[in-house]
Amino acid sequence: MVKVLISLSVLAAAARAGSVTELPESVTKLIDYSINPCDDFYQYACGAWYNDAVIPPDEHQIDTSFKKINIENEAILKSILSDNKPKLG
């Protein structure tokens, strides 16, 4: 699943970029420039991420973007639920 999301992210970034000649850092930090993209495009596009990624021992996958959103949403919900102001109406 992570492989698919990363590949789709790279593809979407390239498609939306139009005539932009430089990739954003969020994409370039994933690329393994030591690999020829004609030999192994997946390893080229995601190799740096794959080599550096560490799955925490208490988890079975890495899902940083959704995890960040979930943490932010939980904080918002906690503040809403802890707010004991009387409701009008």
N, C-alpha and C. Protein backbone atom coordinates (compact mmCIF):
# COMPACT_ATOMS: atom_id res chain seq x y z
N MET A 1 0.82 -1.19 0.00
CA MET A 1 0.00 0.00 0.00
C MET A 1 0.87 1.26 0.00
N VAL A 2 1.92 1.26 0.81
CA VAL A 2 2.80 2.42 0.89
C VAL A 2 3.50 2.63 -0.46
N LYS A 3 3.90 1.52 -1.10
CA LYS A 3 4.56 1.62 -2.40
C LYS A 3 3.64 2.30 -3.41
N VAL A 4 2.39 1.90 -3.40
CA VAL A 4 1.42 2.46 -4.34
C VAL A 4 1.22 3.94 -4.06
N LEU A 5 1.07 4.31 -2.79
CA LEU A 5 0.85 5.71 -2.43
C LEU A 5 2.03 6.59 -2.82
N ILE A 6 3.22 6.10 -2.59
CA ILE A 6 4.41 6.88 -2.95
C ILE A 6 4.51 7.03 -4.46
N SER A 7 4.29 5.94 -5.18
CA SER A 7 4.36 6.01 -6.64
C SER A 7 3.30 6.96 -7.19
N LEU A 8 2.09 6.89 -6.64
CA LEU A 8 1.02 7.78 -7.08
C LEU A 8 1.33 9.23 -6.72
N SER A 9 1.96 9.45 -5.58
CA SER A 9 2.33 10.81 -5.18
C SER A 9 3.33 11.40 -6.16
N VAL A 10 4.32 10.60 -6.55
CA VAL A 10 5.31 11.07 -7.51
C VAL A 10 4.64 11.36 -8.85
N LEU A 11 3.77 10.47 -9.28
CA LEU A 11 3.07 10.66 -10.55
C LEU A 11 2.17 11.89 -10.51
N ALA A 12 1.43 12.06 -9.41
CA ALA A 12 0.54 13.22 -9.28
C ALA A 12 1.33 14.52 -9.25
N ALA A 13 2.45 14.51 -8.54
CA ALA A 13 3.28 15.72 -8.48
C ALA A 13 3.81 16.07 -9.87
N ALA A 14 4.21 15.06 -10.61
CA ALA A 14 4.72 15.31 -11.96
C ALA A 14 3.62 15.80 -12.89
N ALA A 15 2.42 15.23 -12.76
CA ALA A 15 1.31 15.60 -13.63
C ALA A 15 0.82 17.03 -13.36
N ARG A 16 0.77 17.41 -12.10
CA ARG A 16 0.29 18.74 -11.74
C ARG A 16 1.34 19.81 -11.96
N ALA A 17 2.58 19.43 -12.03
CA ALA A 17 3.67 20.40 -12.11
C ALA A 17 3.70 21.15 -13.44
N GLY A 18 3.14 20.56 -14.47
CA GLY A 18 3.17 21.22 -15.77
C GLY A 18 4.59 21.33 -16.30
N SER A 19 5.06 22.55 -16.53
CA SER A 19 6.38 22.75 -17.10
C SER A 19 7.45 23.05 -16.05
N VAL A 20 7.18 22.74 -14.83
CA VAL A 20 8.16 22.97 -13.76
C VAL A 20 9.35 22.04 -13.99
N THR A 21 10.55 22.59 -13.90
CA THR A 21 11.73 21.79 -14.18
C THR A 21 12.34 21.17 -12.93
N GLU A 22 11.96 21.63 -11.74
CA GLU A 22 12.51 21.09 -10.51
C GLU A 22 11.41 20.43 -9.69
N LEU A 23 11.73 19.28 -9.13
CA LEU A 23 10.78 18.59 -8.26
C LEU A 23 10.85 19.17 -6.86
N PRO A 24 9.74 19.16 -6.14
CA PRO A 24 9.78 19.64 -4.75
C PRO A 24 10.63 18.72 -3.88
N GLU A 25 11.12 19.26 -2.79
CA GLU A 25 11.99 18.48 -1.89
C GLU A 25 11.28 17.25 -1.35
N SER A 26 9.97 17.33 -1.16
CA SER A 26 9.23 16.18 -0.64
C SER A 26 9.32 14.99 -1.59
N VAL A 27 9.57 15.25 -2.86
CA VAL A 27 9.73 14.17 -3.84
C VAL A 27 11.19 13.80 -3.99
N THR A 28 12.07 14.79 -4.09
CA THR A 28 13.48 14.50 -4.34
C THR A 28 14.14 13.73 -3.20
N LYS A 29 13.65 13.89 -1.99
CA LYS A 29 14.26 13.15 -0.88
C LYS A 29 13.90 11.67 -0.92
N LEU A 30 12.95 11.28 -1.76
CA LEU A 30 12.57 9.87 -1.91
C LEU A 30 13.36 9.17 -3.00
N ILE A 31 13.97 9.93 -3.90
CA ILE A 31 14.61 9.38 -5.09
C ILE A 31 16.01 8.87 -4.79
N ASP A 32 16.31 7.70 -5.37
CA ASP A 32 17.65 7.13 -5.28
C ASP A 32 18.34 7.41 -6.61
N TYR A 33 19.15 8.46 -6.65
CA TYR A 33 19.79 8.90 -7.88
C TYR A 33 20.90 7.96 -8.35
N SER A 34 21.29 6.99 -7.53
CA SER A 34 22.32 6.04 -7.94
C SER A 34 21.76 4.96 -8.87
N ILE A 35 20.45 4.88 -8.99
CA ILE A 35 19.80 3.87 -9.83
C ILE A 35 19.39 4.50 -11.15
N ASN A 36 19.59 3.78 -12.23
CA ASN A 36 19.13 4.22 -13.55
C ASN A 36 17.63 3.98 -13.63
N PRO A 37 16.81 5.00 -13.87
CA PRO A 37 15.36 4.81 -13.91
C PRO A 37 14.91 3.84 -15.01
N CYS A 38 15.72 3.67 -16.05
CA CYS A 38 15.37 2.72 -17.11
C CYS A 38 15.59 1.28 -16.66
N ASP A 39 16.47 1.07 -15.68
CA ASP A 39 16.72 -0.28 -15.18
C ASP A 39 15.69 -0.70 -14.13
N ASP A 40 15.40 0.18 -13.19
CA ASP A 40 14.47 -0.15 -12.10
C ASP A 40 13.81 1.15 -11.65
N PHE A 41 12.69 1.50 -12.27
CA PHE A 41 12.06 2.79 -11.98
C PHE A 41 11.57 2.88 -10.54
N TYR A 42 11.00 1.79 -10.01
CA TYR A 42 10.51 1.84 -8.63
C TYR A 42 11.66 2.13 -7.67
N GLN A 43 12.77 1.43 -7.83
CA GLN A 43 13.92 1.65 -6.94
C GLN A 43 14.45 3.07 -7.11
N TYR A 44 14.43 3.59 -8.33
CA TYR A 44 14.85 4.97 -8.57
C TYR A 44 13.91 5.95 -7.87
N ALA A 45 12.61 5.77 -8.05
CA ALA A 45 11.62 6.72 -7.53
C ALA A 45 11.48 6.65 -6.02
N CYS A 46 11.61 5.48 -5.43
CA CYS A 46 11.34 5.30 -3.99
C CYS A 46 12.52 4.75 -3.21
N GLY A 47 13.64 4.55 -3.86
CA GLY A 47 14.77 3.87 -3.23
C GLY A 47 15.31 4.54 -1.99
N ALA A 48 15.44 5.87 -2.01
CA ALA A 48 15.97 6.57 -0.84
C ALA A 48 15.03 6.42 0.35
N TRP A 49 13.72 6.52 0.10
CA TRP A 49 12.75 6.32 1.18
C TRP A 49 12.83 4.90 1.69
N TYR A 50 12.88 3.94 0.78
CA TYR A 50 12.90 2.53 1.16
C TYR A 50 14.13 2.20 2.01
N ASN A 51 15.27 2.76 1.66
CA ASN A 51 16.50 2.49 2.40
C ASN A 51 16.52 3.16 3.77
N ASP A 52 15.85 4.31 3.90
CA ASP A 52 15.88 5.07 5.15
C ASP A 52 14.70 4.80 6.08
N ALA A 53 13.62 4.23 5.56
CA ALA A 53 12.40 4.05 6.35
C ALA A 53 12.60 3.00 7.43
N VAL A 54 12.10 3.30 8.61
CA VAL A 54 12.15 2.36 9.72
C VAL A 54 10.73 2.19 10.24
N ILE A 55 10.26 0.95 10.24
CA ILE A 55 8.93 0.67 10.77
C ILE A 55 9.07 0.48 12.28
N PRO A 56 8.36 1.28 13.07
CA PRO A 56 8.44 1.13 14.52
C PRO A 56 8.05 -0.28 14.94
N PRO A 57 8.70 -0.82 15.98
CA PRO A 57 8.43 -2.21 16.38
C PRO A 57 6.99 -2.46 16.82
N ASP A 58 6.30 -1.42 17.29
CA ASP A 58 4.93 -1.61 17.76
C ASP A 58 3.90 -1.38 16.65
N GLU A 59 4.35 -1.14 15.43
CA GLU A 59 3.44 -0.91 14.31
C GLU A 59 3.78 -1.86 13.16
N HIS A 60 2.83 -2.05 12.27
CA HIS A 60 3.04 -2.96 11.15
C HIS A 60 3.24 -2.23 9.82
N GLN A 61 3.15 -0.91 9.84
CA GLN A 61 3.35 -0.14 8.62
C GLN A 61 3.75 1.28 8.97
N ILE A 62 4.15 2.02 7.95
CA ILE A 62 4.45 3.43 8.11
C ILE A 62 3.38 4.21 7.36
N ASP A 63 2.73 5.08 8.07
CA ASP A 63 1.64 5.85 7.48
C ASP A 63 1.70 7.26 8.06
N THR A 64 2.75 7.99 7.74
CA THR A 64 2.99 9.26 8.42
C THR A 64 1.95 10.32 8.13
N SER A 65 1.50 10.45 6.89
CA SER A 65 0.57 11.53 6.58
C SER A 65 -0.77 11.34 7.28
N PHE A 66 -1.31 10.12 7.23
CA PHE A 66 -2.59 9.88 7.89
C PHE A 66 -2.43 9.89 9.40
N LYS A 67 -1.27 9.49 9.89
CA LYS A 67 -1.03 9.51 11.33
C LYS A 67 -1.02 10.96 11.85
N LYS A 68 -0.38 11.86 11.11
CA LYS A 68 -0.35 13.28 11.50
C LYS A 68 -1.76 13.86 11.52
N ILE A 69 -2.53 13.55 10.49
CA ILE A 69 -3.91 14.04 10.42
C ILE A 69 -4.72 13.49 11.58
N ASN A 70 -4.54 12.21 11.89
CA ASN A 70 -5.27 11.59 12.99
C ASN A 70 -4.92 12.25 14.33
N ILE A 71 -3.65 12.52 14.56
CA ILE A 71 -3.22 13.16 15.80
C ILE A 71 -3.83 14.56 15.91
N GLU A 72 -3.81 15.31 14.80
CA GLU A 72 -4.41 16.66 14.82
C GLU A 72 -5.91 16.59 15.07
N ASN A 73 -6.59 15.65 14.43
CA ASN A 73 -8.04 15.50 14.63
C ASN A 73 -8.37 15.12 16.07
N GLU A 74 -7.59 14.23 16.66
CA GLU A 74 -7.83 13.83 18.05
C GLU A 74 -7.65 15.02 18.98
N ALA A 75 -6.66 15.86 18.72
CA ALA A 75 -6.44 17.05 19.56
C ALA A 75 -7.63 18.01 19.44
N ILE A 76 -8.14 18.19 18.24
CA ILE A 76 -9.30 19.06 18.04
C ILE A 76 -10.52 18.50 18.76
N LEU A 77 -10.75 17.20 18.61
CA LEU A 77 -11.90 16.57 19.27
C LEU A 77 -11.78 16.65 20.79
N LYS A 78 -10.59 16.45 21.33
CA LYS A 78 -10.40 16.54 22.78
C LYS A 78 -10.71 17.95 23.27
N SER A 79 -10.28 18.96 22.51
CA SER A 79 -10.55 20.33 22.95
C SER A 79 -12.04 20.64 22.87
N ILE A 80 -12.73 20.11 21.87
CA ILE A 80 -14.18 20.31 21.76
C ILE A 80 -14.90 19.62 22.91
N LEU A 81 -14.51 18.38 23.18
CA LEU A 81 -15.19 17.61 24.22
C LEU A 81 -14.86 18.11 25.62
N SER A 82 -13.67 18.68 25.81
CA SER A 82 -13.31 19.17 27.14
C SER A 82 -13.87 20.57 27.40
N ASP A 83 -14.36 21.22 26.39
CA ASP A 83 -14.95 22.54 26.53
C ASP A 83 -16.36 22.38 27.09
N ASN A 84 -16.56 22.79 28.32
CA ASN A 84 -17.85 22.60 29.00
C ASN A 84 -18.71 23.85 28.99
N LYS A 85 -18.57 24.67 27.97
CA LYS A 85 -19.39 25.87 27.88
C LYS A 85 -20.84 25.47 27.61
N PRO A 86 -21.78 26.19 28.23
CA PRO A 86 -23.19 25.88 27.96
C PRO A 86 -23.55 26.19 26.51
N LYS A 87 -24.36 25.34 25.96
CA LYS A 87 -24.78 25.52 24.57
C LYS A 87 -26.06 26.35 24.53
N LEU A 88 -26.12 27.29 23.62
CA LEU A 88 -27.31 28.12 23.46
C LEU A 88 -28.32 27.40 22.58
N GLY A 89 -29.59 27.60 22.89
CA GLY A 89 -30.63 27.06 22.02
C GLY A 89 -31.22 25.89 22.60
